[in-house]
């Protein structure tokens, strides 16, 4: 069974490898119910409104990154 701590570490590493903000990666995995294949599909689509709304709820930052592309809170 995967612990919360190992999930967090995995998501952080996954985000770093994909040049994606941790908040977006966390939101992707939440939407994918921690299914890595589905998370990869969501990530490759680059722009799920549900993911972006969840991601910005996790932070007070106005700018996040998705695959090195800037996403601004005001555009979500």
N, C-alpha and C. Protein backbone atom coordinates (compact mmCIF):
# COMPACT_ATOMS: atom_id res chain seq x y z
N UNK A 1 0.84 -1.19 0.00
CA UNK A 1 0.00 0.00 0.00
C UNK A 1 0.89 1.25 0.00
N UNK A 2 0.51 2.20 -0.80
CA UNK A 2 1.28 3.43 -0.93
C UNK A 2 0.89 4.40 0.18
N UNK A 3 1.90 4.97 0.83
CA UNK A 3 1.63 5.95 1.88
C UNK A 3 1.47 7.33 1.27
N UNK A 4 0.87 8.24 2.02
CA UNK A 4 0.72 9.62 1.55
C UNK A 4 2.08 10.24 1.27
N UNK A 5 3.06 9.95 2.11
CA UNK A 5 4.39 10.52 1.94
C UNK A 5 5.02 10.04 0.63
N UNK A 6 4.87 8.77 0.30
CA UNK A 6 5.46 8.28 -0.95
C UNK A 6 4.69 8.82 -2.15
N UNK A 7 3.38 9.00 -2.02
CA UNK A 7 2.60 9.62 -3.10
C UNK A 7 3.10 11.04 -3.35
N UNK A 8 3.29 11.80 -2.28
CA UNK A 8 3.75 13.18 -2.40
C UNK A 8 5.12 13.24 -3.06
N UNK A 9 6.02 12.36 -2.65
CA UNK A 9 7.36 12.34 -3.23
C UNK A 9 7.27 12.00 -4.72
N UNK A 10 6.47 11.00 -5.05
CA UNK A 10 6.33 10.57 -6.44
C UNK A 10 5.76 11.70 -7.30
N UNK A 11 4.74 12.37 -6.81
CA UNK A 11 4.12 13.47 -7.56
C UNK A 11 5.11 14.61 -7.74
N UNK A 12 5.87 14.93 -6.72
CA UNK A 12 6.87 15.98 -6.82
C UNK A 12 7.94 15.65 -7.85
N UNK A 13 8.41 14.42 -7.84
CA UNK A 13 9.41 13.98 -8.81
C UNK A 13 8.82 13.98 -10.22
N UNK A 14 7.59 13.50 -10.36
CA UNK A 14 6.88 13.46 -11.63
C UNK A 14 6.76 14.88 -12.20
N UNK A 15 6.39 15.82 -11.35
CA UNK A 15 6.25 17.22 -11.77
C UNK A 15 7.58 17.79 -12.25
N UNK A 16 8.62 17.53 -11.49
CA UNK A 16 9.94 18.05 -11.83
C UNK A 16 10.42 17.53 -13.19
N UNK A 17 10.24 16.25 -13.43
CA UNK A 17 10.66 15.65 -14.70
C UNK A 17 9.90 16.22 -15.89
N UNK A 18 8.69 16.71 -15.65
CA UNK A 18 7.84 17.23 -16.72
C UNK A 18 7.78 18.75 -16.77
N UNK A 19 8.64 19.39 -15.97
CA UNK A 19 8.70 20.86 -15.94
C UNK A 19 7.29 21.44 -15.72
N UNK A 20 6.64 20.88 -14.71
CA UNK A 20 5.27 21.25 -14.39
C UNK A 20 5.19 21.60 -12.91
N UNK A 21 4.44 22.63 -12.58
CA UNK A 21 4.28 23.02 -11.18
C UNK A 21 3.72 21.86 -10.38
N UNK A 22 4.21 21.75 -9.16
CA UNK A 22 3.76 20.67 -8.27
C UNK A 22 2.24 20.72 -8.08
N UNK A 23 1.69 21.93 -7.97
CA UNK A 23 0.24 22.06 -7.76
C UNK A 23 -0.53 21.47 -8.93
N UNK A 24 -0.04 21.68 -10.14
CA UNK A 24 -0.71 21.12 -11.32
C UNK A 24 -0.56 19.60 -11.31
N UNK A 25 0.63 19.11 -10.99
CA UNK A 25 0.84 17.66 -10.93
C UNK A 25 -0.08 17.02 -9.88
N UNK A 26 -0.18 17.64 -8.72
CA UNK A 26 -1.06 17.10 -7.67
C UNK A 26 -2.50 17.05 -8.17
N UNK A 27 -2.94 18.11 -8.82
CA UNK A 27 -4.31 18.17 -9.34
C UNK A 27 -4.52 17.12 -10.43
N UNK A 28 -3.53 16.92 -11.28
CA UNK A 28 -3.64 15.89 -12.32
C UNK A 28 -3.83 14.52 -11.68
N UNK A 29 -3.02 14.21 -10.68
CA UNK A 29 -3.13 12.91 -10.03
C UNK A 29 -4.45 12.76 -9.27
N UNK A 30 -4.95 13.83 -8.69
CA UNK A 30 -6.26 13.76 -8.03
C UNK A 30 -7.35 13.43 -9.04
N UNK A 31 -7.35 14.13 -10.17
CA UNK A 31 -8.36 13.90 -11.22
C UNK A 31 -8.22 12.47 -11.76
N UNK A 32 -6.97 11.98 -11.87
CA UNK A 32 -6.72 10.64 -12.39
C UNK A 32 -6.85 9.56 -11.32
N UNK A 33 -7.23 9.94 -10.12
CA UNK A 33 -7.34 9.01 -9.00
C UNK A 33 -6.04 8.21 -8.82
N UNK A 34 -4.93 8.89 -8.97
CA UNK A 34 -3.58 8.34 -8.80
C UNK A 34 -3.25 7.21 -9.77
N UNK A 35 -3.93 7.17 -10.90
CA UNK A 35 -3.61 6.23 -11.99
C UNK A 35 -2.59 6.92 -12.89
N UNK A 36 -1.36 6.41 -12.90
CA UNK A 36 -0.28 7.11 -13.60
C UNK A 36 -0.51 7.18 -15.11
N UNK A 37 -1.07 6.16 -15.69
CA UNK A 37 -1.35 6.20 -17.14
C UNK A 37 -2.34 7.31 -17.47
N UNK A 38 -3.39 7.39 -16.70
CA UNK A 38 -4.39 8.43 -16.92
C UNK A 38 -3.78 9.81 -16.65
N UNK A 39 -2.97 9.91 -15.61
CA UNK A 39 -2.29 11.18 -15.30
C UNK A 39 -1.43 11.62 -16.48
N UNK A 40 -0.73 10.69 -17.08
CA UNK A 40 0.11 11.00 -18.24
C UNK A 40 -0.74 11.51 -19.41
N UNK A 41 -1.90 10.90 -19.62
CA UNK A 41 -2.80 11.35 -20.70
C UNK A 41 -3.31 12.76 -20.43
N UNK A 42 -3.71 13.01 -19.21
CA UNK A 42 -4.20 14.35 -18.84
C UNK A 42 -3.09 15.38 -19.03
N UNK A 43 -1.89 15.04 -18.55
CA UNK A 43 -0.75 15.95 -18.68
C UNK A 43 -0.47 16.27 -20.15
N UNK A 44 -0.51 15.27 -21.01
CA UNK A 44 -0.18 15.49 -22.42
C UNK A 44 -1.22 16.36 -23.13
N UNK A 45 -2.44 16.43 -22.60
CA UNK A 45 -3.49 17.28 -23.19
C UNK A 45 -3.26 18.75 -22.88
N UNK A 46 -2.53 19.04 -21.83
CA UNK A 46 -2.14 20.39 -21.43
C UNK A 46 -3.25 21.42 -21.45
N UNK A 47 -4.16 21.31 -20.53
CA UNK A 47 -5.14 22.37 -20.43
C UNK A 47 -6.48 22.00 -19.84
N UNK A 48 -6.53 20.98 -19.04
CA UNK A 48 -7.79 20.59 -18.41
C UNK A 48 -8.24 21.67 -17.43
N UNK A 49 -9.45 22.20 -17.66
CA UNK A 49 -9.97 23.24 -16.76
C UNK A 49 -10.11 22.72 -15.34
N UNK A 50 -10.58 21.49 -15.18
CA UNK A 50 -10.74 20.91 -13.85
C UNK A 50 -9.40 20.87 -13.12
N UNK A 51 -8.36 20.45 -13.82
CA UNK A 51 -7.02 20.38 -13.22
C UNK A 51 -6.55 21.78 -12.82
N UNK A 52 -6.70 22.74 -13.71
CA UNK A 52 -6.20 24.08 -13.43
C UNK A 52 -6.95 24.73 -12.27
N UNK A 53 -8.25 24.54 -12.20
CA UNK A 53 -9.03 25.09 -11.08
C UNK A 53 -8.54 24.50 -9.77
N UNK A 54 -8.36 23.18 -9.73
CA UNK A 54 -7.85 22.52 -8.52
C UNK A 54 -6.46 23.01 -8.17
N UNK A 55 -5.60 23.15 -9.19
CA UNK A 55 -4.22 23.56 -8.95
C UNK A 55 -4.15 24.95 -8.32
N UNK A 56 -4.91 25.89 -8.85
CA UNK A 56 -4.86 27.25 -8.32
C UNK A 56 -5.51 27.35 -6.94
N UNK A 57 -6.38 26.41 -6.59
CA UNK A 57 -6.94 26.39 -5.23
C UNK A 57 -5.88 25.98 -4.21
N UNK A 58 -4.82 25.34 -4.67
CA UNK A 58 -3.76 24.86 -3.79
C UNK A 58 -2.70 25.92 -3.47
N UNK A 59 -2.78 27.07 -4.11
CA UNK A 59 -1.72 28.07 -3.97
C UNK A 59 -2.28 29.48 -4.08
N UNK A 60 -1.49 30.44 -3.62
CA UNK A 60 -1.87 31.84 -3.83
C UNK A 60 -1.08 32.45 -4.98
N UNK A 61 -0.25 31.64 -5.65
CA UNK A 61 0.51 32.13 -6.81
C UNK A 61 -0.44 32.44 -7.96
N UNK A 62 -0.08 33.41 -8.76
CA UNK A 62 -0.90 33.79 -9.91
C UNK A 62 -0.44 33.14 -11.21
N UNK A 63 0.72 32.47 -11.16
CA UNK A 63 1.28 31.83 -12.36
C UNK A 63 1.80 30.44 -11.98
N UNK A 64 1.42 29.44 -12.77
CA UNK A 64 1.93 28.08 -12.62
C UNK A 64 2.48 27.63 -13.99
N UNK A 65 3.16 26.50 -14.00
CA UNK A 65 3.75 26.01 -15.25
C UNK A 65 3.22 24.62 -15.58
N UNK A 66 2.94 24.42 -16.86
CA UNK A 66 2.52 23.11 -17.35
C UNK A 66 3.42 22.82 -18.54
N UNK A 67 4.36 21.91 -18.39
CA UNK A 67 5.32 21.55 -19.44
C UNK A 67 6.05 22.79 -19.96
N UNK A 68 6.57 23.57 -19.04
CA UNK A 68 7.30 24.81 -19.34
C UNK A 68 6.43 25.91 -19.94
N UNK A 69 5.13 25.72 -19.97
CA UNK A 69 4.23 26.77 -20.48
C UNK A 69 3.57 27.45 -19.29
N UNK A 70 3.54 28.77 -19.34
CA UNK A 70 2.97 29.56 -18.25
C UNK A 70 1.45 29.54 -18.32
N UNK A 71 0.84 29.32 -17.15
CA UNK A 71 -0.61 29.37 -17.02
C UNK A 71 -0.91 30.41 -15.96
N UNK A 72 -1.72 31.40 -16.33
CA UNK A 72 -2.04 32.48 -15.38
C UNK A 72 -3.42 32.24 -14.77
N UNK A 73 -3.50 32.54 -13.47
CA UNK A 73 -4.75 32.37 -12.73
C UNK A 73 -5.90 33.10 -13.42
N UNK A 74 -5.64 34.32 -13.90
CA UNK A 74 -6.71 35.12 -14.49
C UNK A 74 -7.29 34.49 -15.75
N UNK A 75 -6.58 33.54 -16.36
CA UNK A 75 -7.07 32.89 -17.58
C UNK A 75 -7.80 31.57 -17.30
N UNK A 76 -7.93 31.23 -16.03
CA UNK A 76 -8.60 29.96 -15.67
C UNK A 76 -10.04 30.23 -15.31
